[in-house]
Amino acid sequence: MTRANPAPVPGRARVIDLNLDSFPDIVLTLDFYDTTNKSHFTKTTIIMNESNDEDNFGSLDRKYTRLSKDSDSPLAEIIKQAGDTGSFVAGIDIDEDGAMDIVL
């Protein structure tokens, strides 16, 4: 039996240091299936690896914070722009300005 369309990838995870603090953050693009509309959509989630000690930014005592699209972080804009269609994420300093550029 041959399928007309290959099965979608259920999601992708990328470990990227988004805020350039030398600790890896996680970006997930997850595929979901809406059984009512019989359609696929994706959701993007960003999990930040942050210092648990605000006085010592490089502390090894870490916490993980999930960003939402309503977060006050500038990275929340990535989640807003991805909407229901983001399926791949990559991070690279494209313009070589020392800041991570995100391709989604």
C-alpha atoms as a PDB file:
ATOM      1  CA  MET A   1       0.000   0.000   0.000  1.00  0.00           C
ATOM      2  CA  THR A   2       1.384   3.409  -0.968  1.00  0.00           C
ATOM      3  CA  ARG A   3       0.465   6.575   0.878  1.00  0.00           C
ATOM      4  CA  ALA A   4      -0.227   9.698  -1.147  1.00  0.00           C
ATOM      5  CA  ASN A   5       1.233  11.903   1.586  1.00  0.00           C
ATOM      6  CA  PRO A   6       3.866  10.777   4.068  1.00  0.00           C
ATOM      7  CA  ALA A   7       2.920  10.823   7.734  1.00  0.00           C
ATOM      8  CA  PRO A   8       3.830  14.145   9.345  1.00  0.00           C
ATOM      9  CA  VAL A   9       6.744  14.349  11.729  1.00  0.00           C
ATOM     10  CA  PRO A  10       5.193  14.454  15.227  1.00  0.00           C
ATOM     11  CA  GLY A  11       7.498  17.223  16.307  1.00  0.00           C
ATOM     12  CA  ARG A  12      11.020  18.523  16.396  1.00  0.00           C
ATOM     13  CA  ALA A  13      13.220  19.589  19.255  1.00  0.00           C
ATOM     14  CA  ARG A  14      16.193  21.907  18.940  1.00  0.00           C
ATOM     15  CA  VAL A  15      18.643  22.726  21.672  1.00  0.00           C
ATOM     16  CA  ILE A  16      19.751  26.315  21.058  1.00  0.00           C
ATOM     17  CA  ASP A  17      21.279  28.923  23.344  1.00  0.00           C
ATOM     18  CA  LEU A  18      18.645  31.540  22.472  1.00  0.00           C
ATOM     19  CA  ASN A  19      19.711  34.215  24.928  1.00  0.00           C
ATOM     20  CA  LEU A  20      23.462  33.529  24.580  1.00  0.00           C
ATOM     21  CA  ASP A  21      23.987  32.929  28.304  1.00  0.00           C
ATOM     22  CA  SER A  22      26.070  29.775  27.628  1.00  0.00           C
ATOM     23  CA  PHE A  23      23.265  27.484  28.807  1.00  0.00           C
ATOM     24  CA  PRO A  24      21.127  25.548  26.293  1.00  0.00           C
ATOM     25  CA  ASP A  25      17.460  26.387  25.811  1.00  0.00           C
ATOM     26  CA  ILE A  26      14.917  24.146  24.086  1.00  0.00           C
ATOM     27  CA  VAL A  27      12.594  24.976  21.189  1.00  0.00           C
ATOM     28  CA  LEU A  28       9.881  22.432  20.356  1.00  0.00           C
ATOM     29  CA  THR A  29       7.657  22.420  17.285  1.00  0.00           C
ATOM     30  CA  LEU A  30       4.945  19.837  17.950  1.00  0.00           C
ATOM     31  CA  ASP A  31       2.466  18.467  15.431  1.00  0.00           C
ATOM     32  CA  PHE A  32      -1.150  17.922  16.463  1.00  0.00           C
ATOM     33  CA  TYR A  33      -4.140  16.447  14.651  1.00  0.00           C
ATOM     34  CA  ASP A  34      -7.579  18.039  14.995  1.00  0.00           C
ATOM     35  CA  THR A  35     -10.016  15.139  14.711  1.00  0.00           C
ATOM     36  CA  THR A  36     -12.993  17.484  14.280  1.00  0.00           C
ATOM     37  CA  ASN A  37     -11.570  19.321  11.245  1.00  0.00           C
ATOM     38  CA  LYS A  38      -9.315  16.417  10.206  1.00  0.00           C
ATOM     39  CA  SER A  39      -6.325  18.714   9.866  1.00  0.00           C
ATOM     40  CA  HIS A  40      -2.804  18.985  11.244  1.00  0.00           C
ATOM     41  CA  PHE A  41      -1.450  22.040  13.016  1.00  0.00           C
ATOM     42  CA  THR A  42       1.703  22.778  14.967  1.00  0.00           C
ATOM     43  CA  LYS A  43       2.473  24.610  18.183  1.00  0.00           C
ATOM     44  CA  THR A  44       5.829  26.081  19.097  1.00  0.00           C
ATOM     45  CA  THR A  45       7.080  25.993  22.672  1.00  0.00           C
ATOM     46  CA  ILE A  46      10.219  27.596  24.072  1.00  0.00           C
ATOM     47  CA  ILE A  47      11.726  26.380  27.333  1.00  0.00           C
ATOM     48  CA  MET A  48      14.336  28.733  28.747  1.00  0.00           C
ATOM     49  CA  ASN A  49      17.208  27.447  30.894  1.00  0.00           C
ATOM     50  CA  GLU A  50      17.649  30.310  33.371  1.00  0.00           C
ATOM     51  CA  SER A  51      19.688  31.027  36.460  1.00  0.00           C
ATOM     52  CA  ASN A  52      17.880  30.405  39.720  1.00  0.00           C
ATOM     53  CA  ASP A  53      20.170  32.973  41.375  1.00  0.00           C
ATOM     54  CA  GLU A  54      19.378  36.450  40.023  1.00  0.00           C
ATOM     55  CA  ASP A  55      22.563  37.885  41.585  1.00  0.00           C
ATOM     56  CA  ASN A  56      24.766  35.332  39.799  1.00  0.00           C
ATOM     57  CA  PHE A  57      23.748  35.041  36.136  1.00  0.00           C
ATOM     58  CA  GLY A  58      26.208  32.186  35.473  1.00  0.00           C
ATOM     59  CA  SER A  59      25.129  30.113  38.479  1.00  0.00           C
ATOM     60  CA  LEU A  60      24.806  26.385  37.888  1.00  0.00           C
ATOM     61  CA  ASP A  61      21.618  26.443  39.982  1.00  0.00           C
ATOM     62  CA  ARG A  62      19.170  26.483  37.048  1.00  0.00           C
ATOM     63  CA  LYS A  63      15.412  26.590  36.489  1.00  0.00           C
ATOM     64  CA  TYR A  64      13.371  25.913  33.349  1.00  0.00           C
ATOM     65  CA  THR A  65      10.697  28.378  32.312  1.00  0.00           C
ATOM     66  CA  ARG A  66       8.178  27.759  29.529  1.00  0.00           C
ATOM     67  CA  LEU A  67       7.516  30.924  27.561  1.00  0.00           C
ATOM     68  CA  SER A  68       4.027  31.663  26.327  1.00  0.00           C
ATOM     69  CA  LYS A  69       3.074  33.937  23.444  1.00  0.00           C
ATOM     70  CA  ASP A  70       1.865  36.454  26.043  1.00  0.00           C
ATOM     71  CA  SER A  71       5.178  36.498  27.913  1.00  0.00           C
ATOM     72  CA  ASP A  72       7.059  39.780  28.280  1.00  0.00           C
ATOM     73  CA  SER A  73      10.194  38.165  26.798  1.00  0.00           C
ATOM     74  CA  PRO A  74      11.251  39.328  23.317  1.00  0.00           C
ATOM     75  CA  LEU A  75      11.507  35.625  22.440  1.00  0.00           C
ATOM     76  CA  ALA A  76       7.716  35.316  22.838  1.00  0.00           C
ATOM     77  CA  GLU A  77       7.449  36.981  19.424  1.00  0.00           C
ATOM     78  CA  ILE A  78       8.853  33.754  17.928  1.00  0.00           C
ATOM     79  CA  ILE A  79       5.871  31.839  19.283  1.00  0.00           C
ATOM     80  CA  LYS A  80       3.431  34.460  17.938  1.00  0.00           C
ATOM     81  CA  GLN A  81       5.001  34.471  14.467  1.00  0.00           C
ATOM     82  CA  ALA A  82       5.063  30.668  14.259  1.00  0.00           C
ATOM     83  CA  GLY A  83       1.315  30.447  14.795  1.00  0.00           C
ATOM     84  CA  ASP A  84      -0.061  27.069  13.739  1.00  0.00           C
ATOM     85  CA  THR A  85       2.348  26.552  10.846  1.00  0.00           C
ATOM     86  CA  GLY A  86       5.898  26.460  12.265  1.00  0.00           C
ATOM     87  CA  SER A  87       7.389  23.030  11.643  1.00  0.00           C
ATOM     88  CA  PHE A  88      11.152  23.529  11.832  1.00  0.00           C
ATOM     89  CA  VAL A  89      13.436  25.749  13.845  1.00  0.00           C
ATOM     90  CA  ALA A  90      17.094  26.669  13.492  1.00  0.00           C
ATOM     91  CA  GLY A  91      19.273  29.210  15.223  1.00  0.00           C
ATOM     92  CA  ILE A  92      22.259  30.942  13.681  1.00  0.00           C
ATOM     93  CA  ASP A  93      23.850  34.371  13.802  1.00  0.00           C
ATOM     94  CA  ILE A  94      23.038  35.212  10.167  1.00  0.00           C
ATOM     95  CA  ASP A  95      24.065  38.870  10.228  1.00  0.00           C
ATOM     96  CA  GLU A  96      27.061  38.259  12.536  1.00  0.00           C
ATOM     97  CA  ASP A  97      25.983  40.859  15.092  1.00  0.00           C
ATOM     98  CA  GLY A  98      26.482  38.572  18.101  1.00  0.00           C
ATOM     99  CA  ALA A  99      22.745  37.916  18.556  1.00  0.00           C
ATOM    100  CA  MET A 100      21.023  34.635  17.760  1.00  0.00           C
ATOM    101  CA  ASP A 101      18.754  34.812  14.717  1.00  0.00           C
ATOM    102  CA  ILE A 102      15.895  32.309  14.649  1.00  0.00           C
ATOM    103  CA  VAL A 103      14.598  30.705  11.452  1.00  0.00           C
ATOM    104  CA  LEU A 104      11.185  29.126  11.911  1.00  0.00           C
END
